[in-house]
């Protein structure tokens, strides 16, 4: 529940999707996928949509997890598909040739 300006309580799922995207893009990519997408159906819909991925920054996540190149490439392919080519900035660590080629195309 959220408190609205008119003094009434509202539901998060009723929040305008454009405003929700502006909020969600400020959350790190890992939390966006693992946590924010589980809040409700409208949040999951926004996270799965292309407008929630203008910046794909998984560099810290890759470094913390010490992932093999194949896992990083797989995550990159999923995120690039999710963004539907609308991303402006991309950052990853241990990206392989196939992941780089997929993002570049």
PDB file of N, CA and C in Angstrom:
ATOM      1  N   UNK A   1       0.842  -1.173   0.000  1.00  0.00           N
ATOM      2  CA  UNK A   1       0.000   0.000   0.000  1.00  0.00           C
ATOM      3  C   UNK A   1       0.894   1.246   0.000  1.00  0.00           C
ATOM      4  N   UNK A   2       0.442   2.262  -0.662  1.00  0.00           N
ATOM      5  CA  UNK A   2       1.155   3.537  -0.684  1.00  0.00           C
ATOM      6  C   UNK A   2       0.173   4.649  -0.340  1.00  0.00           C
ATOM      7  N   UNK A   3       0.693   5.699   0.200  1.00  0.00           N
ATOM      8  CA  UNK A   3      -0.123   6.829   0.609  1.00  0.00           C
ATOM      9  C   UNK A   3      -0.158   7.840  -0.529  1.00  0.00           C
ATOM     10  N   UNK A   4      -1.336   8.234  -0.959  1.00  0.00           N
ATOM     11  CA  UNK A   4      -1.457   9.158  -2.090  1.00  0.00           C
ATOM     12  C   UNK A   4      -1.561  10.594  -1.602  1.00  0.00           C
ATOM     13  N   UNK A   5      -1.431  11.525  -2.525  1.00  0.00           N
ATOM     14  CA  UNK A   5      -1.459  12.952  -2.187  1.00  0.00           C
ATOM     15  C   UNK A   5      -2.827  13.417  -1.715  1.00  0.00           C
ATOM     16  N   UNK A   6      -3.881  12.688  -2.066  1.00  0.00           N
ATOM     17  CA  UNK A   6      -5.221  13.101  -1.629  1.00  0.00           C
ATOM     18  C   UNK A   6      -5.587  12.520  -0.265  1.00  0.00           C
ATOM     19  N   UNK A   7      -4.614  11.919   0.415  1.00  0.00           N
ATOM     20  CA  UNK A   7      -4.831  11.422   1.762  1.00  0.00           C
ATOM     21  C   UNK A   7      -5.420  10.031   1.829  1.00  0.00           C
ATOM     22  N   UNK A   8      -5.456   9.311   0.715  1.00  0.00           N
ATOM     23  CA  UNK A   8      -6.008   7.965   0.696  1.00  0.00           C
ATOM     24  C   UNK A   8      -4.901   6.953   0.408  1.00  0.00           C
ATOM     25  N   UNK A   9      -5.163   5.732   0.812  1.00  0.00           N
ATOM     26  CA  UNK A   9      -4.222   4.655   0.532  1.00  0.00           C
ATOM     27  C   UNK A   9      -4.514   4.064  -0.837  1.00  0.00           C
ATOM     28  N   UNK A  10      -3.473   3.758  -1.570  1.00  0.00           N
ATOM     29  CA  UNK A  10      -3.619   3.156  -2.885  1.00  0.00           C
ATOM     30  C   UNK A  10      -2.813   1.872  -2.972  1.00  0.00           C
ATOM     31  N   UNK A  11      -2.960   1.174  -4.054  1.00  0.00           N
ATOM     32  CA  UNK A  11      -2.238  -0.079  -4.264  1.00  0.00           C
ATOM     33  C   UNK A  11      -1.083   0.164  -5.226  1.00  0.00           C
ATOM     34  N   UNK A  12       0.043  -0.501  -4.967  1.00  0.00           N
ATOM     35  CA  UNK A  12       1.207  -0.364  -5.834  1.00  0.00           C
ATOM     36  C   UNK A  12       0.883  -0.782  -7.261  1.00  0.00           C
ATOM     37  N   UNK A  13       0.055  -1.796  -7.408  1.00  0.00           N
ATOM     38  CA  UNK A  13      -0.242  -2.271  -8.759  1.00  0.00           C
ATOM     39  C   UNK A  13      -1.057  -1.274  -9.566  1.00  0.00           C
ATOM     40  N   UNK A  14      -1.649  -0.265  -8.895  1.00  0.00           N
ATOM     41  CA  UNK A  14      -2.412   0.767  -9.594  1.00  0.00           C
ATOM     42  C   UNK A  14      -1.534   1.931 -10.059  1.00  0.00           C
ATOM     43  N   UNK A  15      -0.253   1.896  -9.694  1.00  0.00           N
ATOM     44  CA  UNK A  15       0.658   2.967 -10.078  1.00  0.00           C
ATOM     45  C   UNK A  15       0.863   2.968 -11.589  1.00  0.00           C
ATOM     46  N   UNK A  16       0.863   4.134 -12.193  1.00  0.00           N
ATOM     47  CA  UNK A  16       1.075   4.290 -13.629  1.00  0.00           C
ATOM     48  C   UNK A  16       2.381   3.598 -14.020  1.00  0.00           C
ATOM     49  N   UNK A  17       2.357   2.807 -15.098  1.00  0.00           N
ATOM     50  CA  UNK A  17       3.533   2.027 -15.494  1.00  0.00           C
ATOM     51  C   UNK A  17       4.719   2.914 -15.884  1.00  0.00           C
ATOM     52  N   UNK A  18       4.470   4.084 -16.440  1.00  0.00           N
ATOM     53  CA  UNK A  18       5.578   4.992 -16.800  1.00  0.00           C
ATOM     54  C   UNK A  18       6.292   5.494 -15.555  1.00  0.00           C
ATOM     55  N   UNK A  19       5.539   5.777 -14.509  1.00  0.00           N
ATOM     56  CA  UNK A  19       6.137   6.218 -13.243  1.00  0.00           C
ATOM     57  C   UNK A  19       6.866   5.056 -12.588  1.00  0.00           C
ATOM     58  N   UNK A  20       6.272   3.883 -12.646  1.00  0.00           N
ATOM     59  CA  UNK A  20       6.897   2.697 -12.067  1.00  0.00           C
ATOM     60  C   UNK A  20       8.237   2.401 -12.734  1.00  0.00           C
ATOM     61  N   UNK A  21       8.312   2.541 -14.039  1.00  0.00           N
ATOM     62  CA  UNK A  21       9.573   2.313 -14.747  1.00  0.00           C
ATOM     63  C   UNK A  21      10.630   3.304 -14.268  1.00  0.00           C
ATOM     64  N   UNK A  22      10.252   4.565 -14.065  1.00  0.00           N
ATOM     65  CA  UNK A  22      11.200   5.567 -13.578  1.00  0.00           C
ATOM     66  C   UNK A  22      11.748   5.194 -12.201  1.00  0.00           C
ATOM     67  N   UNK A  23      10.939   4.538 -11.413  1.00  0.00           N
ATOM     68  CA  UNK A  23      11.386   4.073 -10.090  1.00  0.00           C
ATOM     69  C   UNK A  23      12.276   2.842 -10.235  1.00  0.00           C
ATOM     70  N   UNK A  24      11.829   1.879 -11.013  1.00  0.00           N
ATOM     71  CA  UNK A  24      12.544   0.601 -11.124  1.00  0.00           C
ATOM     72  C   UNK A  24      13.918   0.718 -11.765  1.00  0.00           C
ATOM     73  N   UNK A  25      14.112   1.644 -12.679  1.00  0.00           N
ATOM     74  CA  UNK A  25      15.431   1.757 -13.322  1.00  0.00           C
ATOM     75  C   UNK A  25      16.497   2.230 -12.345  1.00  0.00           C
ATOM     76  N   UNK A  26      16.099   2.740 -11.205  1.00  0.00           N
ATOM     77  CA  UNK A  26      17.057   3.178 -10.190  1.00  0.00           C
ATOM     78  C   UNK A  26      17.507   2.046  -9.271  1.00  0.00           C
ATOM     79  N   UNK A  27      16.866   0.896  -9.400  1.00  0.00           N
ATOM     80  CA  UNK A  27      17.216  -0.273  -8.600  1.00  0.00           C
ATOM     81  C   UNK A  27      18.266  -1.074  -9.372  1.00  0.00           C
ATOM     82  N   UNK A  28      19.280  -1.597  -8.694  1.00  0.00           N
ATOM     83  CA  UNK A  28      20.284  -2.410  -9.395  1.00  0.00           C
ATOM     84  C   UNK A  28      19.626  -3.572 -10.150  1.00  0.00           C
ATOM     85  N   UNK A  29      20.224  -3.949 -11.266  1.00  0.00           N
ATOM     86  CA  UNK A  29      19.654  -4.976 -12.148  1.00  0.00           C
ATOM     87  C   UNK A  29      19.356  -6.268 -11.403  1.00  0.00           C
ATOM     88  N   UNK A  30      20.250  -6.689 -10.538  1.00  0.00           N
ATOM     89  CA  UNK A  30      20.059  -7.946  -9.804  1.00  0.00           C
ATOM     90  C   UNK A  30      18.811  -7.882  -8.928  1.00  0.00           C
ATOM     91  N   UNK A  31      18.627  -6.777  -8.225  1.00  0.00           N
ATOM     92  CA  UNK A  31      17.448  -6.615  -7.359  1.00  0.00           C
ATOM     93  C   UNK A  31      16.183  -6.450  -8.184  1.00  0.00           C
ATOM     94  N   UNK A  32      16.313  -5.803  -9.331  1.00  0.00           N
ATOM     95  CA  UNK A  32      15.156  -5.623 -10.214  1.00  0.00           C
ATOM     96  C   UNK A  32      14.596  -6.973 -10.637  1.00  0.00           C
ATOM     97  N   UNK A  33      15.468  -7.895 -10.987  1.00  0.00           N
ATOM     98  CA  UNK A  33      15.036  -9.199 -11.456  1.00  0.00           C
ATOM     99  C   UNK A  33      14.624 -10.096 -10.276  1.00  0.00           C
ATOM    100  N   UNK A  34      15.458 -10.140  -9.238  1.00  0.00           N
ATOM    101  CA  UNK A  34      15.243 -11.085  -8.142  1.00  0.00           C
ATOM    102  C   UNK A  34      14.155 -10.660  -7.159  1.00  0.00           C
ATOM    103  N   UNK A  35      13.963  -9.364  -6.959  1.00  0.00           N
ATOM    104  CA  UNK A  35      13.056  -8.917  -5.917  1.00  0.00           C
ATOM    105  C   UNK A  35      11.888  -8.105  -6.446  1.00  0.00           C
ATOM    106  N   UNK A  36      12.171  -7.058  -7.198  1.00  0.00           N
ATOM    107  CA  UNK A  36      11.110  -6.154  -7.648  1.00  0.00           C
ATOM    108  C   UNK A  36      10.096  -6.869  -8.521  1.00  0.00           C
ATOM    109  N   UNK A  37      10.554  -7.832  -9.300  1.00  0.00           N
ATOM    110  CA  UNK A  37       9.621  -8.539 -10.187  1.00  0.00           C
ATOM    111  C   UNK A  37       8.634  -9.412  -9.414  1.00  0.00           C
ATOM    112  N   UNK A  38       8.891  -9.650  -8.132  1.00  0.00           N
ATOM    113  CA  UNK A  38       8.023 -10.501  -7.323  1.00  0.00           C
ATOM    114  C   UNK A  38       6.986  -9.723  -6.515  1.00  0.00           C
ATOM    115  N   UNK A  39       7.000  -8.397  -6.576  1.00  0.00           N
ATOM    116  CA  UNK A  39       6.081  -7.590  -5.777  1.00  0.00           C
ATOM    117  C   UNK A  39       4.638  -7.826  -6.194  1.00  0.00           C
ATOM    118  N   UNK A  40       4.357  -7.706  -7.462  1.00  0.00           N
ATOM    119  CA  UNK A  40       3.004  -7.920  -7.974  1.00  0.00           C
ATOM    120  C   UNK A  40       3.093  -8.092  -9.490  1.00  0.00           C
ATOM    121  N   UNK A  41       1.966  -8.400 -10.110  1.00  0.00           N
ATOM    122  CA  UNK A  41       1.953  -8.651 -11.558  1.00  0.00           C
ATOM    123  C   UNK A  41       2.355  -7.430 -12.371  1.00  0.00           C
ATOM    124  N   UNK A  42       1.920  -6.240 -11.948  1.00  0.00           N
ATOM    125  CA  UNK A  42       2.263  -5.049 -12.726  1.00  0.00           C
ATOM    126  C   UNK A  42       3.759  -4.741 -12.631  1.00  0.00           C
ATOM    127  N   UNK A  43       4.363  -5.019 -11.480  1.00  0.00           N
ATOM    128  CA  UNK A  43       5.802  -4.811 -11.352  1.00  0.00           C
ATOM    129  C   UNK A  43       6.556  -5.811 -12.213  1.00  0.00           C
ATOM    130  N   UNK A  44       6.102  -7.064 -12.222  1.00  0.00           N
ATOM    131  CA  UNK A  44       6.757  -8.065 -13.055  1.00  0.00           C
ATOM    132  C   UNK A  44       6.632  -7.679 -14.521  1.00  0.00           C
ATOM    133  N   UNK A  45       5.476  -7.197 -14.903  1.00  0.00           N
ATOM    134  CA  UNK A  45       5.264  -6.771 -16.285  1.00  0.00           C
ATOM    135  C   UNK A  45       6.232  -5.656 -16.664  1.00  0.00           C
ATOM    136  N   UNK A  46       6.447  -4.706 -15.771  1.00  0.00           N
ATOM    137  CA  UNK A  46       7.394  -3.613 -16.045  1.00  0.00           C
ATOM    138  C   UNK A  46       8.825  -4.130 -16.132  1.00  0.00           C
ATOM    139  N   UNK A  47       9.204  -5.015 -15.214  1.00  0.00           N
ATOM    140  CA  UNK A  47      10.564  -5.560 -15.223  1.00  0.00           C
ATOM    141  C   UNK A  47      10.810  -6.369 -16.491  1.00  0.00           C
ATOM    142  N   UNK A  48       9.795  -7.075 -16.954  1.00  0.00           N
ATOM    143  CA  UNK A  48       9.949  -7.873 -18.175  1.00  0.00           C
ATOM    144  C   UNK A  48       9.876  -7.034 -19.440  1.00  0.00           C
ATOM    145  N   UNK A  49       9.383  -5.812 -19.324  1.00  0.00           N
ATOM    146  CA  UNK A  49       9.255  -4.939 -20.485  1.00  0.00           C
ATOM    147  C   UNK A  49      10.567  -4.284 -20.872  1.00  0.00           C
ATOM    148  N   UNK A  50      10.638  -3.756 -22.070  1.00  0.00           N
ATOM    149  CA  UNK A  50      11.886  -3.190 -22.579  1.00  0.00           C
ATOM    150  C   UNK A  50      12.283  -1.860 -21.939  1.00  0.00           C
ATOM    151  N   UNK A  51      11.339  -1.104 -21.418  1.00  0.00           N
ATOM    152  CA  UNK A  51      11.652   0.237 -20.927  1.00  0.00           C
ATOM    153  C   UNK A  51      12.339   0.233 -19.570  1.00  0.00           C
ATOM    154  N   UNK A  52      12.362  -0.904 -18.912  1.00  0.00           N
ATOM    155  CA  UNK A  52      13.009  -1.024 -17.607  1.00  0.00           C
ATOM    156  C   UNK A  52      14.502  -1.331 -17.757  1.00  0.00           C
ATOM    157  N   UNK A  53      14.990  -1.422 -18.981  1.00  0.00           N
ATOM    158  CA  UNK A  53      16.377  -1.816 -19.222  1.00  0.00           C
ATOM    159  C   UNK A  53      17.124  -0.844 -20.129  1.00  0.00           C
ATOM    160  N   UNK A  54      17.100   0.469 -19.840  1.00  0.00           N
ATOM    161  CA  UNK A  54      17.875   1.383 -20.672  1.00  0.00           C
ATOM    162  C   UNK A  54      19.380   1.233 -20.426  1.00  0.00           C
ATOM    163  N   UNK A  55      19.729   0.829 -19.216  1.00  0.00           N
ATOM    164  CA  UNK A  55      21.125   0.588 -18.857  1.00  0.00           C
ATOM    165  C   UNK A  55      21.228  -0.836 -18.334  1.00  0.00           C
ATOM    166  N   UNK A  56      22.064  -1.625 -18.960  1.00  0.00           N
ATOM    167  CA  UNK A  56      22.302  -2.985 -18.494  1.00  0.00           C
ATOM    168  C   UNK A  56      23.668  -2.972 -17.825  1.00  0.00           C
ATOM    169  N   UNK A  57      23.658  -2.947 -16.504  1.00  0.00           N
ATOM    170  CA  UNK A  57      24.895  -2.879 -15.738  1.00  0.00           C
ATOM    171  C   UNK A  57      24.944  -4.060 -14.784  1.00  0.00           C
ATOM    172  N   UNK A  58      25.619  -5.107 -15.214  1.00  0.00           N
ATOM    173  CA  UNK A  58      25.744  -6.294 -14.374  1.00  0.00           C
ATOM    174  C   UNK A  58      27.205  -6.541 -13.991  1.00  0.00           C
ATOM    175  N   UNK A  59      28.012  -5.521 -14.097  1.00  0.00           N
ATOM    176  CA  UNK A  59      29.440  -5.667 -13.813  1.00  0.00           C
ATOM    177  C   UNK A  59      29.691  -6.076 -12.362  1.00  0.00           C
ATOM    178  N   UNK A  60      29.087  -5.381 -11.398  1.00  0.00           N
ATOM    179  CA  UNK A  60      29.292  -5.724  -9.989  1.00  0.00           C
ATOM    180  C   UNK A  60      28.780  -7.117  -9.675  1.00  0.00           C
ATOM    181  N   UNK A  61      27.615  -7.463 -10.241  1.00  0.00           N
ATOM    182  CA  UNK A  61      27.042  -8.792 -10.026  1.00  0.00           C
ATOM    183  C   UNK A  61      27.995  -9.864 -10.538  1.00  0.00           C
ATOM    184  N   UNK A  62      28.561  -9.671 -11.714  1.00  0.00           N
ATOM    185  CA  UNK A  62      29.496 -10.637 -12.290  1.00  0.00           C
ATOM    186  C   UNK A  62      30.741 -10.784 -11.420  1.00  0.00           C
ATOM    187  N   UNK A  63      31.250  -9.679 -10.936  1.00  0.00           N
ATOM    188  CA  UNK A  63      32.468  -9.722 -10.101  1.00  0.00           C
ATOM    189  C   UNK A  63      32.212 -10.417  -8.769  1.00  0.00           C
ATOM    190  N   UNK A  64      31.077 -10.123  -8.135  1.00  0.00           N
ATOM    191  CA  UNK A  64      30.767 -10.732  -6.838  1.00  0.00           C
ATOM    192  C   UNK A  64      30.553 -12.235  -6.949  1.00  0.00           C
ATOM    193  N   UNK A  65      29.977 -12.675  -8.019  1.00  0.00           N
ATOM    194  CA  UNK A  65      29.633 -14.081  -8.191  1.00  0.00           C
ATOM    195  C   UNK A  65      30.772 -14.909  -8.781  1.00  0.00           C
ATOM    196  N   UNK A  66      31.794 -14.269  -9.325  1.00  0.00           N
ATOM    197  CA  UNK A  66      32.913 -14.971  -9.972  1.00  0.00           C
ATOM    198  C   UNK A  66      32.387 -15.979 -11.001  1.00  0.00           C
ATOM    199  N   UNK A  67      31.520 -15.501 -11.861  1.00  0.00           N
ATOM    200  CA  UNK A  67      30.856 -16.367 -12.831  1.00  0.00           C
ATOM    201  C   UNK A  67      31.755 -16.712 -14.010  1.00  0.00           C
ATOM    202  N   UNK A  68      31.527 -17.891 -14.538  1.00  0.00           N
ATOM    203  CA  UNK A  68      32.221 -18.303 -15.757  1.00  0.00           C
ATOM    204  C   UNK A  68      31.651 -17.513 -16.931  1.00  0.00           C
ATOM    205  N   UNK A  69      32.427 -17.425 -17.986  1.00  0.00           N
ATOM    206  CA  UNK A  69      32.050 -16.663 -19.176  1.00  0.00           C
ATOM    207  C   UNK A  69      30.701 -17.115 -19.726  1.00  0.00           C
ATOM    208  N   UNK A  70      30.439 -18.416 -19.713  1.00  0.00           N
ATOM    209  CA  UNK A  70      29.181 -18.933 -20.274  1.00  0.00           C
ATOM    210  C   UNK A  70      27.968 -18.381 -19.532  1.00  0.00           C
ATOM    211  N   UNK A  71      28.059 -18.252 -18.209  1.00  0.00           N
ATOM    212  CA  UNK A  71      26.943 -17.735 -17.412  1.00  0.00           C
ATOM    213  C   UNK A  71      26.727 -16.252 -17.658  1.00  0.00           C
ATOM    214  N   UNK A  72      27.826 -15.517 -17.776  1.00  0.00           N
ATOM    215  CA  UNK A  72      27.719 -14.081 -18.067  1.00  0.00           C
ATOM    216  C   UNK A  72      27.096 -13.881 -19.442  1.00  0.00           C
ATOM    217  N   UNK A  73      27.563 -14.641 -20.428  1.00  0.00           N
ATOM    218  CA  UNK A  73      26.997 -14.537 -21.781  1.00  0.00           C
ATOM    219  C   UNK A  73      25.506 -14.857 -21.787  1.00  0.00           C
ATOM    220  N   UNK A  74      25.106 -15.860 -21.026  1.00  0.00           N
ATOM    221  CA  UNK A  74      23.694 -16.239 -20.944  1.00  0.00           C
ATOM    222  C   UNK A  74      22.857 -15.118 -20.325  1.00  0.00           C
ATOM    223  N   UNK A  75      23.357 -14.528 -19.239  1.00  0.00           N
ATOM    224  CA  UNK A  75      22.637 -13.422 -18.595  1.00  0.00           C
ATOM    225  C   UNK A  75      22.531 -12.229 -19.531  1.00  0.00           C
ATOM    226  N   UNK A  76      23.601 -11.956 -20.259  1.00  0.00           N
ATOM    227  CA  UNK A  76      23.604 -10.830 -21.203  1.00  0.00           C
ATOM    228  C   UNK A  76      22.578 -11.054 -22.302  1.00  0.00           C
ATOM    229  N   UNK A  77      22.534 -12.259 -22.847  1.00  0.00           N
ATOM    230  CA  UNK A  77      21.548 -12.550 -23.902  1.00  0.00           C
ATOM    231  C   UNK A  77      20.131 -12.334 -23.395  1.00  0.00           C
ATOM    232  N   UNK A  78      19.832 -12.794 -22.182  1.00  0.00           N
ATOM    233  CA  UNK A  78      18.490 -12.629 -21.609  1.00  0.00           C
ATOM    234  C   UNK A  78      18.149 -11.155 -21.424  1.00  0.00           C
ATOM    235  N   UNK A  79      19.084 -10.380 -20.887  1.00  0.00           N
ATOM    236  CA  UNK A  79      18.809  -8.965 -20.631  1.00  0.00           C
ATOM    237  C   UNK A  79      18.696  -8.160 -21.921  1.00  0.00           C
ATOM    238  N   UNK A  80      19.529  -8.474 -22.893  1.00  0.00           N
ATOM    239  CA  UNK A  80      19.456  -7.760 -24.172  1.00  0.00           C
ATOM    240  C   UNK A  80      18.140  -8.086 -24.873  1.00  0.00           C
ATOM    241  N   UNK A  81      17.727  -9.352 -24.830  1.00  0.00           N
ATOM    242  CA  UNK A  81      16.414  -9.716 -25.398  1.00  0.00           C
ATOM    243  C   UNK A  81      15.299  -8.965 -24.688  1.00  0.00           C
ATOM    244  N   UNK A  82      15.398  -8.888 -23.365  1.00  0.00           N
ATOM    245  CA  UNK A  82      14.374  -8.218 -22.567  1.00  0.00           C
ATOM    246  C   UNK A  82      14.293  -6.739 -22.916  1.00  0.00           C
ATOM    247  N   UNK A  83      15.444  -6.127 -23.203  1.00  0.00           N
ATOM    248  CA  UNK A  83      15.460  -4.690 -23.516  1.00  0.00           C
ATOM    249  C   UNK A  83      14.951  -4.421 -24.936  1.00  0.00           C
ATOM    250  N   UNK A  84      14.852  -5.462 -25.746  1.00  0.00           N
ATOM    251  CA  UNK A  84      14.412  -5.359 -27.147  1.00  0.00           C
ATOM    252  C   UNK A  84      15.242  -4.338 -27.921  1.00  0.00           C
ATOM    253  N   UNK A  85      16.532  -4.266 -27.577  1.00  0.00           N
ATOM    254  CA  UNK A  85      17.454  -3.390 -28.291  1.00  0.00           C
ATOM    255  C   UNK A  85      17.347  -1.924 -27.935  1.00  0.00           C
ATOM    256  N   UNK A  86      16.654  -1.593 -26.845  1.00  0.00           N
ATOM    257  CA  UNK A  86      16.478  -0.187 -26.480  1.00  0.00           C
ATOM    258  C   UNK A  86      17.517   0.304 -25.479  1.00  0.00           C
ATOM    259  N   UNK A  87      18.462  -0.557 -25.081  1.00  0.00           N
ATOM    260  CA  UNK A  87      19.424  -0.118 -24.074  1.00  0.00           C
ATOM    261  C   UNK A  87      20.407   0.901 -24.644  1.00  0.00           C
ATOM    262  N   UNK A  88      20.831   1.823 -23.783  1.00  0.00           N
ATOM    263  CA  UNK A  88      21.779   2.873 -24.175  1.00  0.00           C
ATOM    264  C   UNK A  88      23.188   2.570 -23.694  1.00  0.00           C
ATOM    265  N   UNK A  89      23.287   1.876 -22.564  1.00  0.00           N
ATOM    266  CA  UNK A  89      24.582   1.615 -21.951  1.00  0.00           C
ATOM    267  C   UNK A  89      24.614   0.167 -21.509  1.00  0.00           C
ATOM    268  N   UNK A  90      25.792  -0.432 -21.644  1.00  0.00           N
ATOM    269  CA  UNK A  90      25.955  -1.841 -21.309  1.00  0.00           C
ATOM    270  C   UNK A  90      27.261  -2.017 -20.565  1.00  0.00           C
ATOM    271  N   UNK A  91      27.233  -2.738 -19.442  1.00  0.00           N
ATOM    272  CA  UNK A  91      28.439  -2.957 -18.662  1.00  0.00           C
ATOM    273  C   UNK A  91      28.404  -4.359 -18.060  1.00  0.00           C
ATOM    274  N   UNK A  92      29.442  -5.146 -18.331  1.00  0.00           N
ATOM    275  CA  UNK A  92      29.533  -6.503 -17.790  1.00  0.00           C
ATOM    276  C   UNK A  92      30.996  -6.846 -17.580  1.00  0.00           C
ATOM    277  N   UNK A  93      31.261  -7.847 -16.776  1.00  0.00           N
ATOM    278  CA  UNK A  93      32.607  -8.317 -16.483  1.00  0.00           C
ATOM    279  C   UNK A  93      32.691  -9.771 -16.908  1.00  0.00           C
ATOM    280  N   UNK A  94      33.771 -10.151 -17.558  1.00  0.00           N
ATOM    281  CA  UNK A  94      33.995 -11.494 -18.090  1.00  0.00           C
ATOM    282  C   UNK A  94      33.027 -11.846 -19.205  1.00  0.00           C
ATOM    283  N   UNK A  95      32.740 -10.901 -20.034  1.00  0.00           N
ATOM    284  CA  UNK A  95      31.847 -11.139 -21.167  1.00  0.00           C
ATOM    285  C   UNK A  95      32.633 -11.860 -22.251  1.00  0.00           C
ATOM    286  N   UNK A  96      32.082 -12.930 -22.762  1.00  0.00           N
ATOM    287  CA  UNK A  96      32.732 -13.688 -23.814  1.00  0.00           C
ATOM    288  C   UNK A  96      32.430 -13.136 -25.189  1.00  0.00           C
ATOM    289  N   UNK A  97      33.046 -13.718 -26.180  1.00  0.00           N
ATOM    290  CA  UNK A  97      32.857 -13.275 -27.570  1.00  0.00           C
ATOM    291  C   UNK A  97      31.405 -13.408 -28.010  1.00  0.00           C
ATOM    292  N   UNK A  98      30.740 -14.519 -27.635  1.00  0.00           N
ATOM    293  CA  UNK A  98      29.356 -14.709 -28.089  1.00  0.00           C
ATOM    294  C   UNK A  98      28.420 -13.714 -27.409  1.00  0.00           C
ATOM    295  N   UNK A  99      28.642 -13.414 -26.137  1.00  0.00           N
ATOM    296  CA  UNK A  99      27.817 -12.415 -25.446  1.00  0.00           C
ATOM    297  C   UNK A  99      28.029 -11.023 -26.009  1.00  0.00           C
ATOM    298  N   UNK A 100      29.273 -10.701 -26.317  1.00  0.00           N
ATOM    299  CA  UNK A 100      29.581  -9.392 -26.904  1.00  0.00           C
ATOM    300  C   UNK A 100      28.949  -9.257 -28.283  1.00  0.00           C
ATOM    301  N   UNK A 101      29.066 -10.302 -29.088  1.00  0.00           N
ATOM    302  CA  UNK A 101      28.509 -10.274 -30.437  1.00  0.00           C
ATOM    303  C   UNK A 101      26.988 -10.149 -30.381  1.00  0.00           C
ATOM    304  N   UNK A 102      26.350 -10.854 -29.440  1.00  0.00           N
ATOM    305  CA  UNK A 102      24.897 -10.769 -29.315  1.00  0.00           C
ATOM    306  C   UNK A 102      24.467  -9.357 -28.939  1.00  0.00           C
ATOM    307  N   UNK A 103      25.156  -8.749 -27.968  1.00  0.00           N
ATOM    308  CA  UNK A 103      24.810  -7.391 -27.557  1.00  0.00           C
ATOM    309  C   UNK A 103      25.073  -6.380 -28.666  1.00  0.00           C
ATOM    310  N   UNK A 104      26.151  -6.583 -29.402  1.00  0.00           N
ATOM    311  CA  UNK A 104      26.491  -5.657 -30.471  1.00  0.00           C
ATOM    312  C   UNK A 104      25.484  -5.714 -31.633  1.00  0.00           C
ATOM    313  N   UNK A 105      24.998  -6.907 -31.922  1.00  0.00           N
ATOM    314  CA  UNK A 105      24.028  -7.065 -32.998  1.00  0.00           C
ATOM    315  C   UNK A 105      22.679  -6.537 -32.569  1.00  0.00           C
TER     316      UNK A 105
END
